Amino acid sequence: MTPAATISNSALEGSWGPSLGVEFPKGFLWGVSTAAHQVEAENKDNQWYDWEAAGRIESGERCGLACDWWNNAERDFDLARDLGLNALRLSVEWRALSRNQGNGTEKHCSDTGRCCKTFSNAAFN
């Protein structure tokens, strides 16, 4: 897969009529995004953690470990690169960074910096 690609929807021809071939311009950014609560494991700094814990979900399900992104970021960046992606929108948990009168927590700031550095070194084209 290359970042500039033509997508042919021939599999959909029966229900959509003629092929819906779409051409993306050279330099088009293909990417993924994250939302802090959806990817961080047991993110107690997020308001959604509090919302889930209050018993608002009938089944009692919670985000829990999610995809444990902090421990798997490098692997996820490798997967994104292997898919031919060249852009990432990263959500950062502001409450964790701004705790203690704006000083943040050393671990969260360090983890965020490590992940951003890993991303910038991941050789995305």
PDB file of N, CA and C in Angstrom:
ATOM      1  N   MET A   1       0.847  -1.178   0.000  1.00  0.00           N
ATOM      2  CA  MET A   1       0.000   0.000   0.000  1.00  0.00           C
ATOM      3  C   MET A   1       0.888   1.235   0.000  1.00  0.00           C
ATOM      4  N   THR A   2       0.549   2.177  -0.820  1.00  0.00           N
ATOM      5  CA  THR A   2       1.293   3.426  -0.848  1.00  0.00           C
ATOM      6  C   THR A   2       0.382   4.545  -0.383  1.00  0.00           C
ATOM      7  N   PRO A   3       0.944   5.628   0.153  1.00  0.00           N
ATOM      8  CA  PRO A   3       0.099   6.724   0.621  1.00  0.00           C
ATOM      9  C   PRO A   3      -0.799   7.305  -0.463  1.00  0.00           C
ATOM     10  N   ALA A   4      -0.318   7.376  -1.705  1.00  0.00           N
ATOM     11  CA  ALA A   4      -1.169   7.843  -2.803  1.00  0.00           C
ATOM     12  C   ALA A   4      -1.706   6.602  -3.494  1.00  0.00           C
ATOM     13  N   ALA A   5      -2.970   6.321  -3.341  1.00  0.00           N
ATOM     14  CA  ALA A   5      -3.524   5.067  -3.845  1.00  0.00           C
ATOM     15  C   ALA A   5      -4.843   5.303  -4.550  1.00  0.00           C
ATOM     16  N   THR A   6      -5.165   4.398  -5.459  1.00  0.00           N
ATOM     17  CA  THR A   6      -6.477   4.395  -6.088  1.00  0.00           C
ATOM     18  C   THR A   6      -7.249   3.250  -5.473  1.00  0.00           C
ATOM     19  N   ILE A   7      -8.434   3.524  -4.988  1.00  0.00           N
ATOM     20  CA  ILE A   7      -9.247   2.501  -4.356  1.00  0.00           C
ATOM     21  C   ILE A   7     -10.324   2.082  -5.328  1.00  0.00           C
ATOM     22  N   SER A   8     -10.368   0.814  -5.639  1.00  0.00           N
ATOM     23  CA  SER A   8     -11.396   0.288  -6.525  1.00  0.00           C
ATOM     24  C   SER A   8     -12.408  -0.458  -5.684  1.00  0.00           C
ATOM     25  N   ASN A   9     -13.647  -0.131  -5.845  1.00  0.00           N
ATOM     26  CA  ASN A   9     -14.705  -0.763  -5.068  1.00  0.00           C
ATOM     27  C   ASN A   9     -15.450  -1.801  -5.889  1.00  0.00           C
ATOM     28  N   SER A  10     -14.719  -2.595  -6.683  1.00  0.00           N
ATOM     29  CA  SER A  10     -15.365  -3.564  -7.563  1.00  0.00           C
ATOM     30  C   SER A  10     -16.204  -4.570  -6.785  1.00  0.00           C
ATOM     31  N   ALA A  11     -15.846  -4.841  -5.543  1.00  0.00           N
ATOM     32  CA  ALA A  11     -16.630  -5.786  -4.744  1.00  0.00           C
ATOM     33  C   ALA A  11     -18.021  -5.247  -4.453  1.00  0.00           C
ATOM     34  N   LEU A  12     -18.201  -3.938  -4.550  1.00  0.00           N
ATOM     35  CA  LEU A  12     -19.491  -3.322  -4.249  1.00  0.00           C
ATOM     36  C   LEU A  12     -20.324  -3.037  -5.493  1.00  0.00           C
ATOM     37  N   GLU A  13     -19.822  -3.384  -6.683  1.00  0.00           N
ATOM     38  CA  GLU A  13     -20.503  -3.015  -7.917  1.00  0.00           C
ATOM     39  C   GLU A  13     -21.952  -3.457  -7.962  1.00  0.00           C
ATOM     40  N   GLY A  14     -22.247  -4.654  -7.461  1.00  0.00           N
ATOM     41  CA  GLY A  14     -23.617  -5.156  -7.519  1.00  0.00           C
ATOM     42  C   GLY A  14     -24.606  -4.259  -6.805  1.00  0.00           C
ATOM     43  N   SER A  15     -24.228  -3.710  -5.674  1.00  0.00           N
ATOM     44  CA  SER A  15     -25.166  -2.903  -4.910  1.00  0.00           C
ATOM     45  C   SER A  15     -24.992  -1.404  -5.118  1.00  0.00           C
ATOM     46  N   TRP A  16     -23.864  -0.987  -5.645  1.00  0.00           N
ATOM     47  CA  TRP A  16     -23.592   0.438  -5.799  1.00  0.00           C
ATOM     48  C   TRP A  16     -23.562   0.890  -7.251  1.00  0.00           C
ATOM     49  N   GLY A  17     -23.816   0.007  -8.177  1.00  0.00           N
ATOM     50  CA  GLY A  17     -23.752   0.394  -9.584  1.00  0.00           C
ATOM     51  C   GLY A  17     -22.318   0.344 -10.067  1.00  0.00           C
ATOM     52  N   PRO A  18     -21.924   1.263 -10.957  1.00  0.00           N
ATOM     53  CA  PRO A  18     -20.567   1.232 -11.509  1.00  0.00           C
ATOM     54  C   PRO A  18     -19.517   1.401 -10.412  1.00  0.00           C
ATOM     55  N   SER A  19     -18.316   0.987 -10.718  1.00  0.00           N
ATOM     56  CA  SER A  19     -17.214   1.095  -9.764  1.00  0.00           C
ATOM     57  C   SER A  19     -17.096   2.519  -9.238  1.00  0.00           C
ATOM     58  N   LEU A  20     -16.828   2.626  -7.962  1.00  0.00           N
ATOM     59  CA  LEU A  20     -16.688   3.932  -7.313  1.00  0.00           C
ATOM     60  C   LEU A  20     -15.217   4.284  -7.128  1.00  0.00           C
ATOM     61  N   GLY A  21     -14.380   3.994  -8.125  1.00  0.00           N
ATOM     62  CA  GLY A  21     -12.952   4.274  -8.005  1.00  0.00           C
ATOM     63  C   GLY A  21     -12.719   5.698  -7.528  1.00  0.00           C
ATOM     64  N   VAL A  22     -11.942   5.833  -6.477  1.00  0.00           N
ATOM     65  CA  VAL A  22     -11.639   7.139  -5.898  1.00  0.00           C
ATOM     66  C   VAL A  22     -10.134   7.314  -5.957  1.00  0.00           C
ATOM     67  N   GLU A  23      -9.703   8.440  -6.448  1.00  0.00           N
ATOM     68  CA  GLU A  23      -8.275   8.694  -6.531  1.00  0.00           C
ATOM     69  C   GLU A  23      -7.889   9.756  -5.509  1.00  0.00           C
ATOM     70  N   PHE A  24      -6.890   9.447  -4.714  1.00  0.00           N
ATOM     71  CA  PHE A  24      -6.420  10.385  -3.701  1.00  0.00           C
ATOM     72  C   PHE A  24      -5.180  11.099  -4.224  1.00  0.00           C
ATOM     73  N   PRO A  25      -5.049  12.380  -3.943  1.00  0.00           N
ATOM     74  CA  PRO A  25      -3.909  13.143  -4.467  1.00  0.00           C
ATOM     75  C   PRO A  25      -2.587  12.676  -3.868  1.00  0.00           C
ATOM     76  N   LYS A  26      -1.534  12.860  -4.654  1.00  0.00           N
ATOM     77  CA  LYS A  26      -0.196  12.533  -4.171  1.00  0.00           C
ATOM     78  C   LYS A  26       0.050  13.351  -2.900  1.00  0.00           C
ATOM     79  N   GLY A  27       0.619  12.732  -1.901  1.00  0.00           N
ATOM     80  CA  GLY A  27       0.871  13.415  -0.639  1.00  0.00           C
ATOM     81  C   GLY A  27      -0.290  13.352   0.341  1.00  0.00           C
ATOM     82  N   PHE A  28      -1.375  12.647  -0.036  1.00  0.00           N
ATOM     83  CA  PHE A  28      -2.522  12.492   0.861  1.00  0.00           C
ATOM     84  C   PHE A  28      -2.056  11.810   2.139  1.00  0.00           C
ATOM     85  N   LEU A  29      -2.513  12.280   3.278  1.00  0.00           N
ATOM     86  CA  LEU A  29      -2.112  11.690   4.556  1.00  0.00           C
ATOM     87  C   LEU A  29      -3.087  10.595   4.961  1.00  0.00           C
ATOM     88  N   TRP A  30      -2.563   9.394   5.131  1.00  0.00           N
ATOM     89  CA  TRP A  30      -3.340   8.257   5.617  1.00  0.00           C
ATOM     90  C   TRP A  30      -2.953   8.059   7.072  1.00  0.00           C
ATOM     91  N   GLY A  31      -3.918   8.031   7.959  1.00  0.00           N
ATOM     92  CA  GLY A  31      -3.539   7.927   9.351  1.00  0.00           C
ATOM     93  C   GLY A  31      -4.579   7.302  10.252  1.00  0.00           C
ATOM     94  N   VAL A  32      -4.244   7.287  11.508  1.00  0.00           N
ATOM     95  CA  VAL A  32      -5.107   6.771  12.567  1.00  0.00           C
ATOM     96  C   VAL A  32      -5.086   7.777  13.709  1.00  0.00           C
ATOM     97  N   SER A  33      -5.995   7.591  14.646  1.00  0.00           N
ATOM     98  CA  SER A  33      -6.019   8.482  15.803  1.00  0.00           C
ATOM     99  C   SER A  33      -6.280   7.673  17.067  1.00  0.00           C
ATOM    100  N   THR A  34      -5.938   8.264  18.183  1.00  0.00           N
ATOM    101  CA  THR A  34      -6.220   7.641  19.468  1.00  0.00           C
ATOM    102  C   THR A  34      -6.987   8.630  20.339  1.00  0.00           C
ATOM    103  N   ALA A  35      -7.731   8.098  21.271  1.00  0.00           N
ATOM    104  CA  ALA A  35      -8.369   8.884  22.325  1.00  0.00           C
ATOM    105  C   ALA A  35      -7.838   8.305  23.631  1.00  0.00           C
ATOM    106  N   ALA A  36      -7.320   9.149  24.486  1.00  0.00           N
ATOM    107  CA  ALA A  36      -6.620   8.694  25.691  1.00  0.00           C
ATOM    108  C   ALA A  36      -7.366   7.587  26.434  1.00  0.00           C
ATOM    109  N   HIS A  37      -8.628   7.791  26.751  1.00  0.00           N
ATOM    110  CA  HIS A  37      -9.346   6.806  27.550  1.00  0.00           C
ATOM    111  C   HIS A  37      -9.552   5.492  26.807  1.00  0.00           C
ATOM    112  N   GLN A  38      -9.606   5.546  25.492  1.00  0.00           N
ATOM    113  CA  GLN A  38      -9.838   4.334  24.715  1.00  0.00           C
ATOM    114  C   GLN A  38      -8.587   3.483  24.562  1.00  0.00           C
ATOM    115  N   VAL A  39      -7.414   4.034  24.831  1.00  0.00           N
ATOM    116  CA  VAL A  39      -6.191   3.264  24.612  1.00  0.00           C
ATOM    117  C   VAL A  39      -5.305   3.104  25.841  1.00  0.00           C
ATOM    118  N   GLU A  40      -5.431   3.983  26.829  1.00  0.00           N
ATOM    119  CA  GLU A  40      -4.566   3.896  28.000  1.00  0.00           C
ATOM    120  C   GLU A  40      -5.138   2.909  29.014  1.00  0.00           C
ATOM    121  N   ALA A  41      -4.281   2.116  29.609  1.00  0.00           N
ATOM    122  CA  ALA A  41      -4.716   1.107  30.569  1.00  0.00           C
ATOM    123  C   ALA A  41      -5.080   1.733  31.910  1.00  0.00           C
ATOM    124  N   GLU A  42      -6.271   1.419  32.416  1.00  0.00           N
ATOM    125  CA  GLU A  42      -6.718   1.889  33.731  1.00  0.00           C
ATOM    126  C   GLU A  42      -6.405   3.369  33.939  1.00  0.00           C
ATOM    127  N   ASN A  43      -6.839   4.186  33.020  1.00  0.00           N
ATOM    128  CA  ASN A  43      -6.542   5.615  33.035  1.00  0.00           C
ATOM    129  C   ASN A  43      -7.401   6.334  34.077  1.00  0.00           C
ATOM    130  N   LYS A  44      -6.953   6.336  35.312  1.00  0.00           N
ATOM    131  CA  LYS A  44      -7.715   6.917  36.421  1.00  0.00           C
ATOM    132  C   LYS A  44      -7.738   8.445  36.390  1.00  0.00           C
ATOM    133  N   ASP A  45      -6.934   9.054  35.535  1.00  0.00           N
ATOM    134  CA  ASP A  45      -6.902  10.514  35.438  1.00  0.00           C
ATOM    135  C   ASP A  45      -7.969  11.065  34.501  1.00  0.00           C
ATOM    136  N   ASN A  46      -8.699  10.211  33.844  1.00  0.00           N
ATOM    137  CA  ASN A  46      -9.674  10.642  32.850  1.00  0.00           C
ATOM    138  C   ASN A  46     -11.069  10.691  33.449  1.00  0.00           C
ATOM    139  N   GLN A  47     -11.862  11.702  33.091  1.00  0.00           N
ATOM    140  CA  GLN A  47     -13.220  11.810  33.635  1.00  0.00           C
ATOM    141  C   GLN A  47     -14.090  10.620  33.233  1.00  0.00           C
ATOM    142  N   TRP A  48     -13.771   9.963  32.119  1.00  0.00           N
ATOM    143  CA  TRP A  48     -14.555   8.795  31.719  1.00  0.00           C
ATOM    144  C   TRP A  48     -14.332   7.632  32.685  1.00  0.00           C
ATOM    145  N   TYR A  49     -13.163   7.544  33.301  1.00  0.00           N
ATOM    146  CA  TYR A  49     -12.911   6.520  34.310  1.00  0.00           C
ATOM    147  C   TYR A  49     -13.893   6.706  35.468  1.00  0.00           C
ATOM    148  N   ASP A  50     -14.045   7.953  35.924  1.00  0.00           N
ATOM    149  CA  ASP A  50     -14.985   8.258  37.007  1.00  0.00           C
ATOM    150  C   ASP A  50     -16.413   7.938  36.587  1.00  0.00           C
ATOM    151  N   TRP A  51     -16.755   8.261  35.354  1.00  0.00           N
ATOM    152  CA  TRP A  51     -18.110   8.023  34.846  1.00  0.00           C
ATOM    153  C   TRP A  51     -18.413   6.525  34.822  1.00  0.00           C
ATOM    154  N   GLU A  52     -17.470   5.720  34.334  1.00  0.00           N
ATOM    155  CA  GLU A  52     -17.652   4.264  34.298  1.00  0.00           C
ATOM    156  C   GLU A  52     -17.770   3.687  35.707  1.00  0.00           C
ATOM    157  N   ALA A  53     -16.933   4.160  36.621  1.00  0.00           N
ATOM    158  CA  ALA A  53     -16.888   3.624  37.980  1.00  0.00           C
ATOM    159  C   ALA A  53     -18.166   3.904  38.755  1.00  0.00           C
ATOM    160  N   ALA A  54     -18.917   4.894  38.330  1.00  0.00           N
ATOM    161  CA  ALA A  54     -20.140   5.272  39.050  1.00  0.00           C
ATOM    162  C   ALA A  54     -21.309   4.338  38.753  1.00  0.00           C
ATOM    163  N   GLY A  55     -21.080   3.258  38.020  1.00  0.00           N
ATOM    164  CA  GLY A  55     -22.133   2.281  37.766  1.00  0.00           C
ATOM    165  C   GLY A  55     -23.136   2.695  36.704  1.00  0.00           C
ATOM    166  N   ARG A  56     -22.744   3.544  35.794  1.00  0.00           N
ATOM    167  CA  ARG A  56     -23.664   4.022  34.757  1.00  0.00           C
ATOM    168  C   ARG A  56     -23.831   3.037  33.603  1.00  0.00           C
ATOM    169  N   ILE A  57     -22.983   2.025  33.530  1.00  0.00           N
ATOM    170  CA  ILE A  57     -23.081   1.036  32.458  1.00  0.00           C
ATOM    171  C   ILE A  57     -23.758  -0.198  33.035  1.00  0.00           C
ATOM    172  N   GLU A  58     -24.927  -0.505  32.519  1.00  0.00           N
ATOM    173  CA  GLU A  58     -25.753  -1.575  33.081  1.00  0.00           C
ATOM    174  C   GLU A  58     -24.999  -2.895  33.206  1.00  0.00           C
ATOM    175  N   SER A  59     -24.216  -3.248  32.198  1.00  0.00           N
ATOM    176  CA  SER A  59     -23.496  -4.523  32.225  1.00  0.00           C
ATOM    177  C   SER A  59     -22.289  -4.483  33.158  1.00  0.00           C
ATOM    178  N   GLY A  60     -21.912  -3.289  33.600  1.00  0.00           N
ATOM    179  CA  GLY A  60     -20.756  -3.153  34.482  1.00  0.00           C
ATOM    180  C   GLY A  60     -19.421  -3.157  33.753  1.00  0.00           C
ATOM    181  N   GLU A  61     -19.448  -3.217  32.436  1.00  0.00           N
ATOM    182  CA  GLU A  61     -18.203  -3.237  31.673  1.00  0.00           C
ATOM    183  C   GLU A  61     -17.456  -1.919  31.838  1.00  0.00           C
ATOM    184  N   ARG A  62     -16.133  -2.010  31.753  1.00  0.00           N
ATOM    185  CA  ARG A  62     -15.285  -0.825  31.875  1.00  0.00           C
ATOM    186  C   ARG A  62     -14.179  -0.925  30.840  1.00  0.00           C
ATOM    187  N   CYS A  63     -13.533   0.169  30.608  1.00  0.00           N
ATOM    188  CA  CYS A  63     -12.446   0.207  29.634  1.00  0.00           C
ATOM    189  C   CYS A  63     -11.287  -0.692  30.078  1.00  0.00           C
ATOM    190  N   GLY A  64     -11.027  -0.733  31.355  1.00  0.00           N
ATOM    191  CA  GLY A  64      -9.990  -1.616  31.885  1.00  0.00           C
ATOM    192  C   GLY A  64      -8.625  -1.364  31.282  1.00  0.00           C
ATOM    193  N   LEU A  65      -7.982  -2.417  30.858  1.00  0.00           N
ATOM    194  CA  LEU A  65      -6.646  -2.290  30.288  1.00  0.00           C
ATOM    195  C   LEU A  65      -6.659  -1.739  28.870  1.00  0.00           C
ATOM    196  N   ALA A  66      -7.840  -1.649  28.267  1.00  0.00           N
ATOM    197  CA  ALA A  66      -7.944  -1.169  26.883  1.00  0.00           C
ATOM    198  C   ALA A  66      -6.929  -1.937  26.042  1.00  0.00           C
ATOM    199  N   CYS A  67      -6.161  -1.259  25.228  1.00  0.00           N
ATOM    200  CA  CYS A  67      -5.124  -1.952  24.447  1.00  0.00           C
ATOM    201  C   CYS A  67      -3.745  -1.739  25.070  1.00  0.00           C
ATOM    202  N   ASP A  68      -3.727  -1.184  26.298  1.00  0.00           N
ATOM    203  CA  ASP A  68      -2.482  -0.974  27.042  1.00  0.00           C
ATOM    204  C   ASP A  68      -1.446  -0.248  26.184  1.00  0.00           C
ATOM    205  N   TRP A  69      -1.879   0.866  25.622  1.00  0.00           N
ATOM    206  CA  TRP A  69      -1.087   1.590  24.637  1.00  0.00           C
ATOM    207  C   TRP A  69       0.285   2.014  25.141  1.00  0.00           C
ATOM    208  N   TRP A  70       0.381   2.420  26.395  1.00  0.00           N
ATOM    209  CA  TRP A  70       1.683   2.887  26.893  1.00  0.00           C
ATOM    210  C   TRP A  70       2.738   1.796  26.790  1.00  0.00           C
ATOM    211  N   ASN A  71       2.324   0.547  26.942  1.00  0.00           N
ATOM    212  CA  ASN A  71       3.279  -0.557  26.845  1.00  0.00           C
ATOM    213  C   ASN A  71       3.389  -1.122  25.438  1.00  0.00           C
ATOM    214  N   ASN A  72       2.531  -0.682  24.529  1.00  0.00           N
ATOM    215  CA  ASN A  72       2.516  -1.237  23.176  1.00  0.00           C
ATOM    216  C   ASN A  72       2.657  -0.186  22.083  1.00  0.00           C
ATOM    217  N   ALA A  73       2.979   1.038  22.438  1.00  0.00           N
ATOM    218  CA  ALA A  73       3.034   2.123  21.449  1.00  0.00           C
ATOM    219  C   ALA A  73       4.006   1.817  20.315  1.00  0.00           C
ATOM    220  N   GLU A  74       5.178   1.330  20.645  1.00  0.00           N
ATOM    221  CA  GLU A  74       6.168   1.054  19.599  1.00  0.00           C
ATOM    222  C   GLU A  74       5.640   0.009  18.619  1.00  0.00           C
ATOM    223  N   ARG A  75       5.033  -1.045  19.133  1.00  0.00           N
ATOM    224  CA  ARG A  75       4.445  -2.075  18.272  1.00  0.00           C
ATOM    225  C   ARG A  75       3.348  -1.475  17.396  1.00  0.00           C
ATOM    226  N   ASP A  76       2.507  -0.621  17.992  1.00  0.00           N
ATOM    227  CA  ASP A  76       1.422   0.000  17.234  1.00  0.00           C
ATOM    228  C   ASP A  76       1.961   0.916  16.139  1.00  0.00           C
ATOM    229  N   PHE A  77       3.033   1.656  16.419  1.00  0.00           N
ATOM    230  CA  PHE A  77       3.645   2.504  15.393  1.00  0.00           C
ATOM    231  C   PHE A  77       4.191   1.644  14.253  1.00  0.00           C
ATOM    232  N   ASP A  78       4.813   0.514  14.607  1.00  0.00           N
ATOM    233  CA  ASP A  78       5.324  -0.391  13.571  1.00  0.00           C
ATOM    234  C   ASP A  78       4.187  -0.915  12.698  1.00  0.00           C
ATOM    235  N   LEU A  79       3.071  -1.282  13.323  1.00  0.00           N
ATOM    236  CA  LEU A  79       1.914  -1.762  12.558  1.00  0.00           C
ATOM    237  C   LEU A  79       1.385  -0.677  11.628  1.00  0.00           C
ATOM    238  N   ALA A  80       1.299   0.547  12.126  1.00  0.00           N
ATOM    239  CA  ALA A  80       0.812   1.659  11.305  1.00  0.00           C
ATOM    240  C   ALA A  80       1.741   1.889  10.116  1.00  0.00           C
ATOM    241  N   ARG A  81       3.037   1.875  10.366  1.00  0.00           N
ATOM    242  CA  ARG A  81       4.005   2.060   9.279  1.00  0.00           C
ATOM    243  C   ARG A  81       3.880   0.933   8.259  1.00  0.00           C
ATOM    244  N   ASP A  82       3.742  -0.315   8.740  1.00  0.00           N
ATOM    245  CA  ASP A  82       3.615  -1.464   7.839  1.00  0.00           C
ATOM    246  C   ASP A  82       2.357  -1.391   6.985  1.00  0.00           C
ATOM    247  N   LEU A  83       1.334  -0.716   7.485  1.00  0.00           N
ATOM    248  CA  LEU A  83       0.101  -0.528   6.714  1.00  0.00           C
ATOM    249  C   LEU A  83       0.227   0.610   5.699  1.00  0.00           C
ATOM    250  N   GLY A  84       1.337   1.327   5.734  1.00  0.00           N
ATOM    251  CA  GLY A  84       1.540   2.435   4.810  1.00  0.00           C
ATOM    252  C   GLY A  84       0.977   3.750   5.315  1.00  0.00           C
ATOM    253  N   LEU A  85       0.659   3.824   6.602  1.00  0.00           N
ATOM    254  CA  LEU A  85       0.115   5.061   7.159  1.00  0.00           C
ATOM    255  C   LEU A  85       1.239   6.064   7.382  1.00  0.00           C
ATOM    256  N   ASN A  86       0.897   7.334   7.297  1.00  0.00           N
ATOM    257  CA  ASN A  86       1.922   8.357   7.454  1.00  0.00           C
ATOM    258  C   ASN A  86       1.467   9.514   8.337  1.00  0.00           C
ATOM    259  N   ALA A  87       0.426   9.294   9.139  1.00  0.00           N
ATOM    260  CA  ALA A  87      -0.065  10.350  10.025  1.00  0.00           C
ATOM    261  C   ALA A  87      -0.688   9.731  11.272  1.00  0.00           C
ATOM    262  N   LEU A  88      -0.573  10.444  12.385  1.00  0.00           N
ATOM    263  CA  LEU A  88      -1.165   9.996  13.643  1.00  0.00           C
ATOM    264  C   LEU A  88      -1.686  11.212  14.397  1.00  0.00           C
ATOM    265  N   ARG A  89      -2.909  11.088  14.893  1.00  0.00           N
ATOM    266  CA  ARG A  89      -3.459  12.111  15.785  1.00  0.00           C
ATOM    267  C   ARG A  89      -3.470  11.471  17.163  1.00  0.00           C
ATOM    268  N   LEU A  90      -2.711  12.021  18.072  1.00  0.00           N
ATOM    269  CA  LEU A  90      -2.500  11.430  19.385  1.00  0.00           C
ATOM    270  C   LEU A  90      -3.221  12.241  20.444  1.00  0.00           C
ATOM    271  N   SER A  91      -4.040  11.584  21.243  1.00  0.00           N
ATOM    272  CA  SER A  91      -4.724  12.228  22.356  1.00  0.00           C
ATOM    273  C   SER A  91      -3.861  12.072  23.603  1.00  0.00           C
ATOM    274  N   VAL A  92      -3.720  13.144  24.345  1.00  0.00           N
ATOM    275  CA  VAL A  92      -2.941  13.116  25.579  1.00  0.00           C
ATOM    276  C   VAL A  92      -3.878  13.456  26.731  1.00  0.00           C
ATOM    277  N   GLU A  93      -3.774  12.727  27.826  1.00  0.00           N
ATOM    278  CA  GLU A  93      -4.637  12.958  28.980  1.00  0.00           C
ATOM    279  C   GLU A  93      -4.171  14.197  29.740  1.00  0.00           C
ATOM    280  N   TRP A  94      -4.865  15.297  29.530  1.00  0.00           N
ATOM    281  CA  TRP A  94      -4.473  16.576  30.107  1.00  0.00           C
ATOM    282  C   TRP A  94      -4.466  16.556  31.632  1.00  0.00           C
ATOM    283  N   ARG A  95      -5.443  15.897  32.253  1.00  0.00           N
ATOM    284  CA  ARG A  95      -5.486  15.873  33.724  1.00  0.00           C
ATOM    285  C   ARG A  95      -4.232  15.245  34.307  1.00  0.00           C
ATOM    286  N   ALA A  96      -3.684  14.252  33.646  1.00  0.00           N
ATOM    287  CA  ALA A  96      -2.467  13.617  34.153  1.00  0.00           C
ATOM    288  C   ALA A  96      -1.255  14.528  33.977  1.00  0.00           C
ATOM    289  N   LEU A  97      -1.254  15.310  32.911  1.00  0.00           N
ATOM    290  CA  LEU A  97      -0.130  16.214  32.667  1.00  0.00           C
ATOM    291  C   LEU A  97      -0.190  17.462  33.532  1.00  0.00           C
ATOM    292  N   SER A  98      -1.403  17.886  33.916  1.00  0.00           N
ATOM    293  CA  SER A  98      -1.545  19.153  34.633  1.00  0.00           C
ATOM    294  C   SER A  98      -1.774  18.991  36.131  1.00  0.00           C
ATOM    295  N   ARG A  99      -1.695  17.772  36.654  1.00  0.00           N
ATOM    296  CA  ARG A  99      -1.862  17.546  38.088  1.00  0.00           C
ATOM    297  C   ARG A  99      -0.781  18.286  38.875  1.00  0.00           C
ATOM    298  N   ASN A 100      -0.989  18.509  40.136  1.00  0.00           N
ATOM    299  CA  ASN A 100      -0.028  19.192  41.025  1.00  0.00           C
ATOM    300  C   ASN A 100       0.283  20.611  40.544  1.00  0.00           C
ATOM    301  N   GLN A 101      -0.738  21.417  40.424  1.00  0.00           N
ATOM    302  CA  GLN A 101      -0.617  22.822  40.006  1.00  0.00           C
ATOM    303  C   GLN A 101       0.125  22.985  38.680  1.00  0.00           C
ATOM    304  N   GLY A 102      -0.205  22.140  37.727  1.00  0.00           N
ATOM    305  CA  GLY A 102       0.349  22.313  36.386  1.00  0.00           C
ATOM    306  C   GLY A 102       1.694  21.657  36.150  1.00  0.00           C
ATOM    307  N   ASN A 103       2.244  20.985  37.165  1.00  0.00           N
ATOM    308  CA  ASN A 103       3.548  20.359  36.975  1.00  0.00           C
ATOM    309  C   ASN A 103       3.456  18.983  36.329  1.00  0.00           C
ATOM    310  N   GLY A 104       2.275  18.411  36.298  1.00  0.00           N
ATOM    311  CA  GLY A 104       2.112  17.083  35.719  1.00  0.00           C
ATOM    312  C   GLY A 104       2.758  16.022  36.580  1.00  0.00           C
ATOM    313  N   THR A 105       2.605  14.798  36.189  1.00  0.00           N
ATOM    314  CA  THR A 105       3.285  13.723  36.893  1.00  0.00           C
ATOM    315  C   THR A 105       4.501  13.347  36.073  1.00  0.00           C
ATOM    316  N   GLU A 106       5.587  13.109  36.741  1.00  0.00           N
ATOM    317  CA  GLU A 106       6.833  12.807  36.043  1.00  0.00           C
ATOM    318  C   GLU A 106       6.673  11.605  35.122  1.00  0.00           C
ATOM    319  N   LYS A 107       6.004  10.549  35.601  1.00  0.00           N
ATOM    320  CA  LYS A 107       5.846   9.346  34.786  1.00  0.00           C
ATOM    321  C   LYS A 107       5.018   9.623  33.539  1.00  0.00           C
ATOM    322  N   HIS A 108       3.892  10.319  33.693  1.00  0.00           N
ATOM    323  CA  HIS A 108       3.032  10.566  32.531  1.00  0.00           C
ATOM    324  C   HIS A 108       3.747  11.460  31.514  1.00  0.00           C
ATOM    325  N   CYS A 109       4.428  12.493  32.000  1.00  0.00           N
ATOM    326  CA  CYS A 109       5.173  13.369  31.083  1.00  0.00           C
ATOM    327  C   CYS A 109       6.274  12.578  30.381  1.00  0.00           C
ATOM    328  N   SER A 110       6.958  11.732  31.129  1.00  0.00           N
ATOM    329  CA  SER A 110       8.022  10.919  30.552  1.00  0.00           C
ATOM    330  C   SER A 110       7.463   9.940  29.522  1.00  0.00           C
ATOM    331  N   ASP A 111       6.347   9.277  29.854  1.00  0.00           N
ATOM    332  CA  ASP A 111       5.726   8.330  28.922  1.00  0.00           C
ATOM    333  C   ASP A 111       5.261   9.029  27.657  1.00  0.00           C
ATOM    334  N   THR A 112       4.651  10.199  27.812  1.00  0.00           N
ATOM    335  CA  THR A 112       4.166  10.946  26.652  1.00  0.00           C
ATOM    336  C   THR A 112       5.333  11.346  25.761  1.00  0.00           C
ATOM    337  N   GLY A 113       6.396  11.847  26.357  1.00  0.00           N
ATOM    338  CA  GLY A 113       7.580  12.222  25.586  1.00  0.00           C
ATOM    339  C   GLY A 113       8.204  11.034  24.886  1.00  0.00           C
ATOM    340  N   ARG A 114       8.295   9.896  25.593  1.00  0.00           N
ATOM    341  CA  ARG A 114       8.864   8.681  25.004  1.00  0.00           C
ATOM    342  C   ARG A 114       8.059   8.247  23.790  1.00  0.00           C
ATOM    343  N   CYS A 115       6.726   8.259  23.915  1.00  0.00           N
ATOM    344  CA  CYS A 115       5.877   7.821  22.808  1.00  0.00           C
ATOM    345  C   CYS A 115       5.974   8.773  21.621  1.00  0.00           C
ATOM    346  N   CYS A 116       6.029  10.066  21.887  1.00  0.00           N
ATOM    347  CA  CYS A 116       6.160  11.035  20.787  1.00  0.00           C
ATOM    348  C   CYS A 116       7.507  10.874  20.091  1.00  0.00           C
ATOM    349  N   LYS A 117       8.562  10.639  20.872  1.00  0.00           N
ATOM    350  CA  LYS A 117       9.884  10.433  20.278  1.00  0.00           C
ATOM    351  C   LYS A 117       9.897   9.148  19.460  1.00  0.00           C
ATOM    352  N   THR A 118       9.291   8.083  19.984  1.00  0.00           N
ATOM    353  CA  THR A 118       9.212   6.821  19.251  1.00  0.00           C
ATOM    354  C   THR A 118       8.483   7.021  17.933  1.00  0.00           C
ATOM    355  N   PHE A 119       7.380   7.776  17.972  1.00  0.00           N
ATOM    356  CA  PHE A 119       6.620   8.040  16.748  1.00  0.00           C
ATOM    357  C   PHE A 119       7.462   8.813  15.743  1.00  0.00           C
ATOM    358  N   SER A 120       8.151   9.849  16.199  1.00  0.00           N
ATOM    359  CA  SER A 120       8.928  10.668  15.264  1.00  0.00           C
ATOM    360  C   SER A 120      10.104   9.896  14.681  1.00  0.00           C
ATOM    361  N   ASN A 121      10.560   8.851  15.373  1.00  0.00           N
ATOM    362  CA  ASN A 121      11.662   8.027  14.880  1.00  0.00           C
ATOM    363  C   ASN A 121      11.187   6.810  14.089  1.00  0.00           C
ATOM    364  N   ALA A 122       9.889   6.661  13.918  1.00  0.00           N
ATOM    365  CA  ALA A 122       9.351   5.434  13.321  1.00  0.00           C
ATOM    366  C   ALA A 122       9.473   5.385  11.800  1.00  0.00           C
ATOM    367  N   ALA A 123      10.106   6.356  11.204  1.00  0.00           N
ATOM    368  CA  ALA A 123      10.356   6.362   9.755  1.00  0.00           C
ATOM    369  C   ALA A 123       9.078   6.326   8.935  1.00  0.00           C
ATOM    370  N   PHE A 124       8.114   7.167   9.290  1.00  0.00           N
ATOM    371  CA  PHE A 124       6.907   7.286   8.476  1.00  0.00           C
ATOM    372  C   PHE A 124       7.261   8.125   7.257  1.00  0.00           C
ATOM    373  N   ASN A 125       6.800   7.680   6.102  1.00  0.00           N
ATOM    374  CA  ASN A 125       7.086   8.416   4.857  1.00  0.00           C
ATOM    375  C   ASN A 125       5.887   9.208   4.429  1.00  0.00           C
TER     376      ASN A 125
END
